[in-house]
Protein backbone atom coordinates (compact mmCIF):
# COMPACT_ATOMS: atom_id res chain seq x y z
CA MET A 1 -0.22 0.07 -0.04
CA SER A 2 2.78 2.44 0.88
CA HIS A 3 4.42 2.01 -2.54
CA ILE A 4 0.99 2.98 -4.21
CA LEU A 5 0.73 6.04 -2.02
CA GLY A 6 4.31 6.98 -2.64
CA ALA A 7 3.74 6.73 -6.41
CA ARG A 8 0.62 8.77 -6.15
CA GLN A 9 2.55 11.43 -4.37
CA ALA A 10 5.33 11.40 -7.05
CA GLN A 11 2.75 11.69 -9.70
CA LYS A 12 1.14 14.73 -8.01
CA GLN A 13 4.54 16.41 -7.50
CA ARG A 14 5.50 15.85 -11.27
CA THR A 15 1.85 17.40 -12.34
CA ARG A 16 2.49 20.36 -10.01
CA GLN A 17 6.12 20.91 -11.41
CA ALA A 18 4.72 20.60 -14.90
CA LEU A 19 2.08 23.47 -14.18
CA MET A 20 4.97 25.56 -12.71
CA GLU A 21 7.18 25.00 -15.68
CA ALA A 22 4.54 25.53 -18.09
CA ALA A 23 3.48 28.93 -16.42
CA LEU A 24 7.10 30.02 -16.58
CA VAL A 25 7.46 29.42 -20.35
CA LEU A 26 4.07 31.24 -20.93
CA LEU A 27 5.00 34.24 -18.43
CA GLU A 28 8.30 34.92 -20.76
CA HIS A 29 6.09 36.97 -22.99
CA GLN A 30 3.07 38.06 -20.67
CA SER A 31 2.30 39.15 -17.24
CA LEU A 32 0.70 36.87 -14.61
CA SER A 33 -2.25 39.30 -14.45
CA SER A 34 -2.84 38.19 -18.04
CA LEU A 35 -2.17 34.70 -17.64
CA GLY A 36 -5.13 32.25 -17.96
CA LEU A 37 -5.60 29.05 -16.13
CA ARG A 38 -6.51 26.85 -19.40
CA GLU A 39 -3.48 28.18 -20.98
CA VAL A 40 -1.33 26.80 -18.11
CA THR A 41 -2.96 23.43 -18.12
CA ARG A 42 -2.99 23.24 -21.83
CA ALA A 43 0.85 23.75 -21.84
CA ALA A 44 1.47 21.35 -19.23
CA GLY A 45 -0.72 18.77 -20.89
CA VAL A 46 -3.28 18.19 -18.00
CA ALA A 47 -6.89 18.79 -17.54
CA PRO A 48 -8.05 22.12 -16.27
CA THR A 49 -9.59 20.38 -13.05
CA ALA A 50 -6.18 19.09 -12.14
CA PHE A 51 -4.97 22.67 -11.58
CA TYR A 52 -7.05 23.00 -8.55
CA ARG A 53 -5.45 20.03 -6.81
CA HIS A 54 -2.17 22.08 -6.66
CA PHE A 55 -3.24 25.91 -6.56
CA ARG A 56 -6.36 27.87 -5.91
CA ASP A 57 -5.86 30.24 -8.79
CA THR A 58 -3.07 31.69 -10.87
CA ALA A 59 -2.12 34.01 -7.95
CA ASP A 60 -1.40 31.01 -5.81
CA LEU A 61 0.73 29.52 -8.65
CA GLY A 62 2.53 32.76 -8.73
CA VAL A 63 3.20 32.70 -5.14
CA ALA A 64 4.67 29.28 -5.56
CA LEU A 65 6.99 30.21 -8.24
CA VAL A 66 8.28 33.03 -5.99
CA GLU A 67 8.99 30.59 -3.23
CA GLU A 68 10.94 28.53 -5.87
CA ALA A 69 12.85 31.45 -7.38
CA LEU A 70 13.95 32.99 -3.99
CA GLY A 71 13.35 30.65 -1.04
CA GLY A 72 16.50 28.63 -1.71
CA LEU A 73 18.78 31.63 -2.04
CA HIS A 74 18.74 32.57 1.68
CA ALA A 75 21.13 30.04 2.87
CA VAL A 76 23.36 30.92 -0.05
CA LEU A 77 23.35 34.55 0.73
CA ARG A 78 24.15 33.83 4.37
CA ALA A 79 27.15 31.81 3.36
CA THR A 80 28.40 34.46 1.18
CA LEU A 81 28.08 37.05 3.72
CA ALA A 82 30.10 34.86 6.02
CA GLU A 83 32.86 34.44 3.67
CA THR A 84 36.39 35.69 5.08
CA GLY A 85 38.58 38.01 3.16
CA ASP A 86 38.80 41.51 2.24
CA SER A 87 35.81 43.41 0.65
CA ALA A 88 36.98 42.73 -2.89
CA VAL A 89 36.57 38.99 -2.25
CA ARG A 90 33.19 39.55 -0.58
CA ILE A 91 32.12 41.66 -3.64
CA ASP A 92 33.31 38.94 -6.00
CA GLY A 93 31.36 36.44 -4.08
CA ALA A 94 28.05 38.56 -4.07
CA VAL A 95 28.15 39.35 -7.90
CA GLY A 96 29.35 35.71 -8.61
CA LEU A 97 26.17 34.39 -6.69
CA ILE A 98 23.70 36.71 -8.48
CA ALA A 99 25.44 35.67 -11.93
CA ARG A 100 25.15 31.92 -11.19
CA HIS A 101 21.63 32.26 -10.10
CA VAL A 102 20.59 34.17 -13.33
CA ARG A 103 22.50 31.72 -15.62
CA ALA A 104 20.69 28.77 -13.90
CA TYR A 105 17.24 30.00 -13.49
CA PRO A 106 16.80 32.91 -16.17
CA ALA A 107 13.02 32.46 -16.45
CA HIS A 108 12.69 32.61 -12.60
CA VAL A 109 14.59 35.83 -12.34
CA ARG A 110 12.60 37.46 -15.31
CA PHE A 111 9.34 36.42 -13.42
CA VAL A 112 10.61 38.06 -10.32
CA THR A 113 11.74 41.26 -11.88
CA ARG A 114 8.67 41.64 -13.91
CA GLU A 115 6.19 40.75 -11.01
CA ARG A 116 7.89 42.69 -8.38
CA HIS A 117 5.72 45.70 -9.25
CA GLY A 118 3.17 43.69 -11.33
CA GLY A 119 -0.72 43.62 -10.94
CA VAL A 120 -1.13 40.72 -8.75
CA GLU A 121 -1.12 41.91 -5.11
CA ARG A 122 -0.40 38.64 -3.46
CA VAL A 123 2.65 37.88 -5.70
CA ARG A 124 3.95 41.36 -5.23
CA ALA A 125 3.59 40.86 -1.50
CA ALA A 126 5.30 37.46 -1.71
CA ILE A 127 8.16 38.95 -3.58
CA GLY A 128 8.25 41.83 -0.93
CA GLY A 129 8.26 39.32 1.82
CA GLN A 130 11.43 37.41 0.28
CA LEU A 131 13.32 40.60 -0.44
CA GLY A 132 12.49 41.82 3.02
CA LEU A 133 14.07 38.57 4.62
CA PHE A 134 16.92 39.16 2.34
CA ALA A 135 17.38 42.73 3.87
CA GLU A 136 17.07 41.30 7.51
CA GLU A 137 19.94 38.83 6.76
CA VAL A 138 22.10 41.57 5.05
CA ALA A 139 21.28 43.91 8.10
CA ALA A 140 22.15 41.29 10.69
CA TRP A 141 25.54 40.89 8.99
CA LEU A 142 26.11 44.73 8.51
CA ALA A 143 25.60 44.81 12.40
CA THR A 144 28.72 42.79 12.97
CA GLN A 145 30.87 45.05 10.81
CA PRO A 146 33.16 47.44 12.73
CA ASP A 147 32.35 50.36 10.30
CA CYS A 148 28.56 50.09 11.20
CA ALA A 149 29.21 49.81 15.04
CA ARG A 150 27.81 53.38 15.84
CA TRP A 151 25.00 53.23 13.26
CA SER A 152 21.32 53.49 14.27
CA GLU A 153 19.15 50.39 13.61
CA ASP A 154 17.20 52.61 10.96
CA ASP A 155 20.34 53.41 9.15
CA VAL A 156 21.64 49.75 9.08
CA ARG A 157 18.06 48.57 7.47
CA MET A 158 18.42 51.58 5.03
CA LEU A 159 21.68 50.21 3.93
CA ALA A 160 20.52 46.46 3.78
CA HIS A 161 17.78 47.50 1.49
CA VAL A 162 20.14 49.43 -0.82
CA HIS A 163 22.12 46.16 -0.94
CA VAL A 164 19.02 44.13 -1.87
CA ASP A 165 17.84 46.67 -4.50
CA HIS A 166 21.28 46.32 -5.88
CA MET A 167 20.86 42.62 -6.11
CA VAL A 168 17.61 42.93 -8.02
CA MET A 169 18.98 45.39 -10.29
CA THR A 170 22.16 43.32 -11.13
CA ALA A 171 20.20 40.27 -11.74
CA SER A 172 18.13 42.12 -14.29
CA ALA A 173 21.42 43.59 -15.89
CA PHE A 174 22.62 39.93 -16.27
CA LEU A 175 19.42 38.80 -17.63
CA GLU A 176 19.44 41.49 -20.29
CA ALA A 177 23.04 40.83 -21.12
CA GLY A 178 22.86 37.02 -21.26
CA PRO A 179 21.56 36.68 -24.91
CA TYR A 180 24.52 38.97 -26.16
CA GLY A 181 27.37 36.83 -24.84
CA GLU A 182 30.08 36.83 -22.19
CA GLU A 183 31.34 40.33 -22.99
CA ARG A 184 28.24 41.93 -22.07
CA VAL A 185 27.92 39.70 -19.09
CA GLU A 186 31.49 40.58 -17.72
CA ALA A 187 30.56 44.32 -18.49
CA ALA A 188 27.48 43.85 -16.12
CA ALA A 189 29.41 42.14 -13.67
CA SER A 190 32.25 44.88 -13.58
CA LEU A 191 29.65 47.59 -13.29
CA ALA A 192 28.05 45.75 -10.17
CA ARG A 193 31.36 45.53 -8.58
CA ARG A 194 32.22 49.15 -9.10
CA GLN A 195 28.88 49.86 -7.63
CA LEU A 196 29.43 47.87 -4.59
CA ARG A 197 32.59 49.47 -3.97
CA LEU A 198 31.10 52.68 -4.24
CA ILE A 199 28.52 51.49 -1.59
CA GLY A 200 31.13 50.23 0.51
CA LEU A 201 32.91 53.61 0.37
CA GLY A 202 29.94 55.57 1.50
CA ARG A 203 29.38 53.09 4.31
CA ARG A 204 32.78 53.85 5.78
CA HIS A 205 32.18 57.60 5.72
CA TRP A 206 28.68 57.58 6.44
CA LEU A 207 29.15 59.09 9.94
CA ASP A 208 31.83 61.59 9.05
């Protein structure tokens, strides 16, 4: 009996993943607010009724895509922040993390950057929540840095959100540069590193 239940659960997971992957393909050329349930099920090769076994509506599907796109990055970000070495090493690590994620999950990144200010409130809130968690993780790291020792909590949070906004902007730049080859990608990476150095310089002199 257990193997039958296991097979059913595996099939259910495959159907859910097929729906999410089909949605990502369709969302390459349209927004979530214009996406129809029947479009998704047709592209996934399942009956429309199967959709409701996994998601309440397309907004619910969008929230699941946000979790898939960003949820697994938190541990990686914390590990990157914990790396030892000078600021140049940490900057290279941060930019490299974003570049690898965009290269591995371009459709997810495109979805998040488009829907961050899109027309589906629950998805906007889910993206905002994930980015807020990133900001909390960056703020916790900044609070341990000597040059932020005398900063107010509000200023630390402000800087953390600057870093998160920069992450999103850099991901978008990598996404746009990707189809044009490695030269454009490296140019985007170089700009991102220079911007982070500028942010770091401002951080060191904020209380001057």
